[in-house]
Protein backbone atom coordinates (compact mmCIF):
# COMPACT_ATOMS: atom_id res chain seq x y z
CA MET A 1 -13.39 -3.73 31.13
CA SER A 2 -11.45 -0.14 32.13
CA VAL A 3 -8.21 1.07 31.79
CA MET A 4 -7.34 4.09 33.74
CA SER A 5 -5.71 6.55 31.56
CA GLY A 6 -5.47 9.47 34.27
CA PRO A 7 -6.28 9.94 37.88
CA ASN A 8 -9.88 10.07 37.47
CA ASP A 9 -10.23 9.28 33.84
CA PRO A 10 -11.12 5.26 32.97
CA VAL A 11 -11.73 4.63 30.02
CA GLN A 12 -13.99 1.66 28.57
CA LEU A 13 -12.61 -0.69 26.59
CA SER A 14 -14.90 -2.71 23.78
CA THR A 15 -15.36 -6.36 25.10
CA PHE A 16 -15.61 -7.67 21.43
CA PHE A 17 -11.80 -8.45 21.53
CA ASP A 18 -10.20 -11.14 22.75
CA TYR A 19 -7.86 -8.98 25.15
CA GLU A 20 -7.48 -12.68 26.89
CA SER A 21 -5.32 -14.29 24.32
CA LEU A 22 -2.70 -11.93 24.85
CA ASP A 23 0.29 -12.50 27.22
CA LEU A 24 0.04 -9.70 30.33
CA ALA A 25 2.23 -7.63 29.23
CA GLN A 26 1.16 -6.95 25.87
CA ARG A 27 -2.44 -7.07 27.01
CA GLN A 28 -1.49 -3.95 29.47
CA VAL A 29 0.88 -2.14 26.90
CA ILE A 30 -2.00 -2.30 24.05
CA GLN A 31 -4.99 -1.12 26.80
CA GLU A 32 -2.98 1.72 27.68
CA HIS A 33 -3.03 2.81 24.18
CA THR A 34 -6.20 2.41 23.83
CA GLY A 35 -7.12 4.60 26.52
CA GLU A 36 -4.64 7.39 25.29
CA ILE A 37 -5.85 7.21 21.24
CA ARG A 38 -8.93 7.78 23.02
CA LYS A 39 -8.46 10.60 25.31
CA ARG A 40 -6.86 12.27 21.39
CA LEU A 41 -9.29 11.75 19.18
CA ARG A 42 -10.35 15.22 19.36
CA ARG A 43 -7.52 15.32 16.78
CA SER A 44 -5.51 18.63 16.50
CA ALA A 45 -2.58 17.90 14.41
CA GLN A 46 -0.32 16.55 17.96
CA ASP A 47 -2.84 14.18 18.19
CA VAL A 48 -3.18 12.65 14.91
CA TRP A 49 0.47 12.48 15.35
CA GLU A 50 0.27 10.98 18.53
CA ILE A 51 -2.41 8.58 17.68
CA GLY A 52 -0.24 7.27 14.90
CA GLN A 53 2.58 7.12 16.99
CA ARG A 54 0.03 4.28 19.37
CA LEU A 55 -1.39 2.58 16.38
CA ALA A 56 1.85 2.37 15.04
CA ASP A 57 3.31 0.50 18.08
CA VAL A 58 -0.43 -1.66 18.50
CA ARG A 59 0.38 -2.56 15.09
CA SER A 60 4.10 -3.84 15.49
CA ARG A 61 2.13 -6.13 18.48
CA LEU A 62 -0.43 -7.96 16.95
CA LYS A 63 -0.39 -10.93 14.51
CA TYR A 64 -1.94 -11.03 11.53
CA GLY A 65 -5.46 -10.13 11.26
CA GLN A 66 -5.51 -8.91 15.24
CA PHE A 67 -4.34 -5.31 14.23
CA LEU A 68 -7.92 -5.30 11.97
CA ALA A 69 -10.07 -7.11 14.37
CA TRP A 70 -8.65 -4.57 17.14
CA LEU A 71 -9.13 -1.26 15.38
CA LYS A 72 -13.11 -2.38 14.04
CA ALA A 73 -13.93 -3.57 17.81
CA GLU A 74 -12.62 -0.56 20.24
CA PHE A 75 -12.85 2.22 17.24
CA GLY A 76 -14.85 1.11 14.16
CA TRP A 77 -12.14 1.99 11.97
CA SER A 78 -11.57 0.69 8.91
CA GLN A 79 -7.72 -0.27 8.03
CA ARG A 80 -7.52 3.44 6.06
CA THR A 81 -9.14 5.04 8.68
CA ALA A 82 -5.93 3.98 11.27
CA TYR A 83 -3.37 4.13 8.82
CA ASN A 84 -4.21 7.79 8.05
CA PHE A 85 -3.10 8.11 11.25
CA ILE A 86 0.28 6.35 10.96
CA ASN A 87 1.20 7.47 7.48
CA VAL A 88 1.21 10.89 9.53
CA TYR A 89 3.35 10.03 12.52
CA GLU A 90 6.00 7.85 10.37
CA THR A 91 6.11 10.87 7.20
CA PHE A 92 6.55 13.45 10.36
CA GLY A 93 8.10 11.49 12.73
CA ASP A 94 11.38 14.18 12.75
CA ARG A 95 9.01 16.81 12.92
CA PHE A 96 6.73 16.30 16.12
CA ALA A 97 7.38 19.89 17.24
CA LYS A 98 6.34 21.67 14.16
CA LEU A 99 3.29 19.92 13.94
CA ALA A 100 2.63 21.23 18.01
CA LYS A 101 2.48 24.74 16.48
CA VAL A 102 0.76 24.73 13.17
CA ASP A 103 -3.12 25.04 12.60
CA ILE A 104 -3.69 22.55 9.73
CA ALA A 105 -6.50 20.59 8.86
CA THR A 106 -6.20 16.68 9.70
CA SER A 107 -7.04 16.37 6.44
CA VAL A 108 -4.74 18.37 4.92
CA LEU A 109 -2.22 16.76 7.36
CA TYR A 110 -3.41 12.99 5.97
CA GLN A 111 -2.82 14.05 2.07
CA LEU A 112 0.59 15.31 2.71
CA ALA A 113 1.53 11.60 4.59
CA ALA A 114 0.63 10.28 1.50
CA PRO A 115 3.60 8.44 0.25
CA SER A 116 3.50 9.58 -3.34
CA VAL A 117 3.64 13.13 -1.68
CA PRO A 118 7.37 14.64 -2.73
CA GLU A 119 9.26 16.04 0.59
CA ALA A 120 9.59 18.88 -0.48
CA LEU A 121 6.07 20.02 -1.03
CA ARG A 122 5.27 18.55 2.78
CA THR A 123 8.22 20.88 3.96
CA GLU A 124 6.63 23.97 1.42
CA VAL A 125 3.15 23.46 3.42
CA LEU A 126 3.96 23.10 6.58
CA LYS A 127 6.51 26.48 6.30
CA ALA A 128 3.63 28.15 5.25
CA ALA A 129 1.24 26.71 7.42
CA ALA A 130 3.67 27.86 10.39
CA SER A 131 3.66 31.61 9.25
CA GLY A 132 0.21 31.72 9.67
CA GLN A 133 -1.48 30.26 6.02
CA LYS A 134 -4.57 28.63 6.49
CA ILE A 135 -3.95 25.11 3.97
CA THR A 136 -7.47 23.95 2.95
CA HIS A 137 -8.32 20.74 1.48
CA LYS A 138 -8.78 22.22 -2.23
CA SER A 139 -5.72 24.01 -2.35
CA ILE A 140 -3.64 20.90 -0.96
CA LYS A 141 -5.13 18.70 -3.37
CA SER A 142 -4.42 21.19 -6.34
CA ALA A 143 -0.92 21.32 -4.97
CA ILE A 144 -0.12 17.28 -5.15
CA LYS A 145 -1.87 17.16 -8.63
CA GLN A 146 0.84 20.12 -10.36
CA SER A 147 3.56 18.59 -8.26
CA LYS A 148 2.73 15.05 -9.57
CA GLN A 149 2.28 16.98 -13.61
CA ALA A 150 5.52 18.45 -13.07
CA ALA A 151 7.58 15.30 -11.67
CA ASN A 152 5.75 13.49 -15.03
CA THR A 153 7.59 15.78 -17.46
CA ALA A 154 10.59 15.71 -15.39
CA SER A 155 11.12 11.93 -16.24
CA VAL A 156 11.00 12.20 -19.99
CA ALA A 157 14.11 12.74 -21.93
CA PRO A 158 13.73 15.52 -25.43
CA GLU A 159 12.00 14.30 -27.87
CA THR A 160 15.46 12.75 -29.34
CA GLU A 161 15.93 10.43 -26.98
CA GLU A 162 14.02 7.53 -25.22
CA PRO A 163 11.31 8.52 -22.45
CA ALA A 164 13.53 8.05 -19.20
CA ILE A 165 10.81 5.73 -18.00
CA LYS A 166 7.67 4.05 -19.44
CA LYS A 167 5.01 3.88 -17.54
CA PRO A 168 3.12 1.08 -17.49
CA GLU A 169 -0.06 1.91 -19.67
CA ILE A 170 -3.61 -0.95 -19.56
CA ILE A 171 -4.47 -0.60 -22.81
CA THR A 172 -7.82 -3.54 -23.21
CA VAL A 173 -9.92 -5.39 -20.65
CA ILE A 174 -10.32 -9.12 -20.83
CA PRO A 175 -13.79 -10.71 -20.93
CA GLN A 176 -14.03 -13.18 -17.74
CA SER A 177 -14.60 -16.27 -20.12
CA VAL A 178 -10.82 -16.05 -20.77
CA GLU A 179 -9.81 -19.29 -19.32
CA LEU A 180 -6.18 -20.44 -17.56
CA ALA A 181 -3.26 -20.44 -19.71
CA ASP A 182 -2.50 -23.32 -21.40
CA SER A 183 0.34 -25.05 -20.48
CA SER A 184 0.24 -26.68 -24.36
CA ARG A 185 0.55 -23.86 -26.17
CA THR A 186 3.63 -23.19 -28.02
CA ALA A 187 6.31 -21.79 -25.22
CA GLN A 188 7.42 -18.86 -26.28
CA PRO A 189 10.96 -17.63 -26.60
CA GLU A 190 12.56 -17.24 -22.80
CA LEU A 191 13.37 -14.03 -22.29
CA GLU A 192 16.22 -12.90 -19.84
CA ILE A 193 14.78 -11.42 -17.02
CA THR A 194 16.62 -8.08 -15.97
CA ALA A 195 15.35 -5.36 -13.17
CA GLY A 196 12.07 -3.56 -14.58
CA TRP A 197 8.92 -3.64 -16.23
CA TYR A 198 7.22 -5.91 -18.08
CA GLN A 199 3.91 -6.18 -19.90
CA LEU A 200 2.25 -9.37 -20.38
CA GLY A 201 -0.28 -9.84 -22.91
CA ALA A 202 -2.28 -6.17 -23.43
CA GLN A 203 -3.16 -5.92 -20.21
CA HIS A 204 -1.01 -6.58 -17.09
CA GLN A 205 1.88 -5.01 -15.42
CA LEU A 206 5.01 -7.15 -13.93
CA PHE A 207 7.83 -5.35 -12.34
CA CYS A 208 10.96 -7.30 -11.51
CA GLY A 209 12.86 -5.25 -7.89
CA ASP A 210 11.38 -3.94 -4.82
CA THR A 211 7.93 -3.15 -4.86
CA ALA A 212 8.04 -0.84 -2.06
CA THR A 213 10.24 1.26 -4.33
CA PRO A 214 8.90 4.54 -6.26
CA SER A 215 9.58 2.78 -9.29
CA PHE A 216 6.85 0.66 -8.65
CA VAL A 217 4.69 2.67 -6.19
CA ASN A 218 4.85 5.56 -9.26
CA ALA A 219 3.31 3.69 -11.85
CA VAL A 220 0.61 1.81 -10.07
CA PRO A 221 -2.93 3.39 -10.46
CA GLN A 222 -5.60 3.18 -8.09
CA ALA A 223 -6.71 -0.41 -7.68
CA LYS A 224 -9.58 -2.39 -6.39
CA LEU A 225 -7.58 -5.06 -4.06
CA ALA A 226 -4.41 -5.60 -3.23
CA ILE A 227 -3.20 -9.43 -2.00
CA ALA A 228 0.06 -8.79 0.01
CA VAL A 229 1.59 -12.64 0.33
CA THR A 230 5.03 -12.53 2.28
CA ALA A 231 6.97 -13.55 4.65
CA GLU A 232 9.59 -10.23 4.38
CA ASP A 233 8.91 -7.43 7.49
CA TRP A 234 5.80 -5.09 6.12
CA ALA A 235 7.12 -2.09 4.08
CA HIS A 236 4.38 -1.32 1.80
CA ASP A 237 1.90 0.46 4.06
CA TRP A 238 1.41 2.95 0.56
CA LEU A 239 -1.21 0.55 -0.67
CA ILE A 240 -3.48 1.83 2.30
CA ASP A 241 -4.25 4.97 0.06
CA GLN A 242 -4.02 3.36 -3.42
CA VAL A 243 -6.07 0.44 -3.15
CA ASP A 244 -10.13 0.01 -1.74
CA SER A 245 -9.03 -2.90 -0.04
CA VAL A 246 -5.53 -4.76 1.12
CA VAL A 247 -5.37 -8.39 2.50
CA VAL A 248 -2.42 -9.51 4.03
CA LEU A 249 -1.34 -13.16 4.47
CA PRO A 250 1.11 -15.50 5.68
CA GLN A 251 3.02 -17.22 2.73
CA GLU A 252 2.71 -20.54 4.44
CA LYS A 253 -0.87 -20.01 4.85
CA PHE A 254 -1.29 -18.79 1.16
CA THR A 255 -3.16 -21.13 -1.94
CA ILE A 256 -3.54 -20.74 -5.21
CA GLY A 257 -7.48 -21.32 -4.21
CA THR A 258 -7.46 -19.23 -1.57
CA LEU A 259 -6.63 -16.49 -3.72
CA LYS A 260 -9.31 -17.33 -6.54
CA GLU A 261 -12.13 -17.11 -3.59
CA LEU A 262 -10.50 -13.47 -2.71
CA LEU A 263 -10.48 -12.28 -5.99
CA GLY A 264 -14.03 -13.33 -6.57
CA LEU A 265 -15.16 -12.30 -2.86
CA LEU A 266 -13.45 -8.39 -3.17
CA SER A 267 -13.24 -8.11 -6.96
CA ARG A 268 -15.39 -7.64 -10.23
CA THR A 269 -13.94 -8.19 -14.07
CA GLY A 270 -12.29 -5.32 -15.02
CA ASP A 271 -11.29 -4.46 -11.67
CA THR A 272 -7.69 -3.57 -11.28
CA VAL A 273 -5.86 -6.03 -8.76
CA VAL A 274 -1.54 -5.75 -7.01
CA PHE A 275 0.51 -8.62 -6.29
CA PRO A 276 3.44 -6.87 -4.32
CA TRP A 277 4.76 -10.76 -4.17
CA LEU A 278 4.48 -13.19 -6.13
CA PRO A 279 5.44 -16.48 -4.13
CA LEU A 280 2.98 -18.56 -6.46
CA PRO A 281 4.09 -18.88 -9.93
CA GLU A 282 0.44 -19.18 -11.07
CA MET A 283 -1.01 -16.05 -9.27
CA ILE A 284 -1.01 -13.96 -12.41
CA ALA A 285 -2.15 -16.77 -14.61
CA MET A 286 -5.22 -16.89 -12.47
CA ALA A 287 -6.87 -13.11 -11.72
CA HIS A 288 -6.28 -13.31 -15.53
CA SER A 289 -8.73 -16.08 -16.30
CA LEU A 290 -11.13 -14.20 -13.81
CA GLY A 291 -10.60 -10.85 -16.14
CA ARG A 292 -9.25 -8.77 -13.46
CA LEU A 293 -6.14 -6.36 -14.43
CA VAL A 294 -2.92 -6.81 -12.65
CA TYR A 295 0.30 -4.49 -11.50
CA ALA A 296 2.38 -7.42 -9.65
CA GLY A 297 6.11 -7.79 -8.63
CA ASP A 298 9.09 -9.12 -6.86
CA PRO A 299 12.12 -8.38 -6.17
CA SER A 300 12.96 -12.66 -7.40
CA LYS A 301 13.76 -12.87 -11.43
CA GLN A 302 13.00 -16.60 -10.57
CA ARG A 303 9.40 -15.62 -9.33
CA CYS A 304 9.42 -12.98 -11.96
CA GLN A 305 9.99 -15.77 -14.53
CA GLY A 306 7.99 -18.22 -13.27
CA ALA A 307 4.95 -16.10 -12.96
CA ILE A 308 5.77 -14.97 -16.81
CA ALA A 309 6.24 -18.73 -18.16
CA ALA A 310 2.73 -19.78 -15.91
CA THR A 311 0.70 -17.08 -18.43
CA SER A 312 2.00 -18.19 -21.34
CA LEU A 313 1.53 -14.43 -22.90
CA GLN A 314 3.14 -12.17 -24.79
CA VAL A 315 5.77 -10.54 -22.79
CA GLN A 316 7.33 -7.27 -23.65
CA PRO A 317 10.12 -5.01 -21.69
CA LEU A 318 8.79 -1.29 -20.83
CA ALA A 319 12.01 -0.33 -19.21
CA SER A 320 14.92 -1.23 -17.23
CA GLU A 321 15.69 0.21 -13.71
CA PRO A 322 19.71 -0.79 -13.30
CA ALA A 323 19.51 0.29 -9.95
CA VAL A 324 17.59 -2.14 -8.21
CA THR A 325 19.28 -5.18 -7.15
CA LEU A 326 17.55 -8.53 -8.11
CA ALA A 327 17.18 -11.42 -5.60
CA GLY A 328 18.39 -14.96 -6.86
């Protein structure tokens, strides 16, 4: 199978992706994008942006699981590779003309497009590149580190006051032999849930609020696995940079048995896992029983309350974000 990307430039398409399962209009658009992406793999800054634009459009047209299958069939790419391009497109969308004029390494672009990088730093780097300065992978890595350190320092008030935001801290690693919380244990007094961070036991962190916001994103460490189960629109591309493996599942097909299988296949005892939604109250409890460290969240206070109750662990508020709006 091939698609014409130019008058005399046929592009071969993989026979391993099932294009026949798509309707004709979708198939033609995705095949056109495939050919254009292949043409632009010389990867100038402008090419990276345009590849990201096409990848984002293909992603929006395919169902759960199809995007990764298409990536692997056509390019042999992982999710992380694809999202490097997509992040550049979505981050620099209104600065396309500037990217076309600068000589900047693609590795630097990928770093700058990470959701955790301050916008002021991106602007500064692009301005320096436009003036002819050579921006290296090492220098931008150092600049990002310094920027994050400065932000962490600024988030803490003077010593006479409480910290503006207490970042959750992993204290201990639980052994694999820990059992699921027993509902027959003495119940803890019910805590009135408000927006913000909570610590469950000595090792898990729960955020009541929107997990696509900086309050959650900036607090989550590098993790082994993220399991995103939602019927909502996807707004969590930051996970691709923060987590080794990301599994996205439709809510109607998700069970606690599926969660247990995924945790066993894709993580080990002591690994950090991320749950950006909590459709089932037993999710943190299951991860706890398998010895994983959890960073979880949900905008629904009822879901957060249910997750806390299912663990029967001691719960302690860590911080409050009154600007966050809770559902329910």
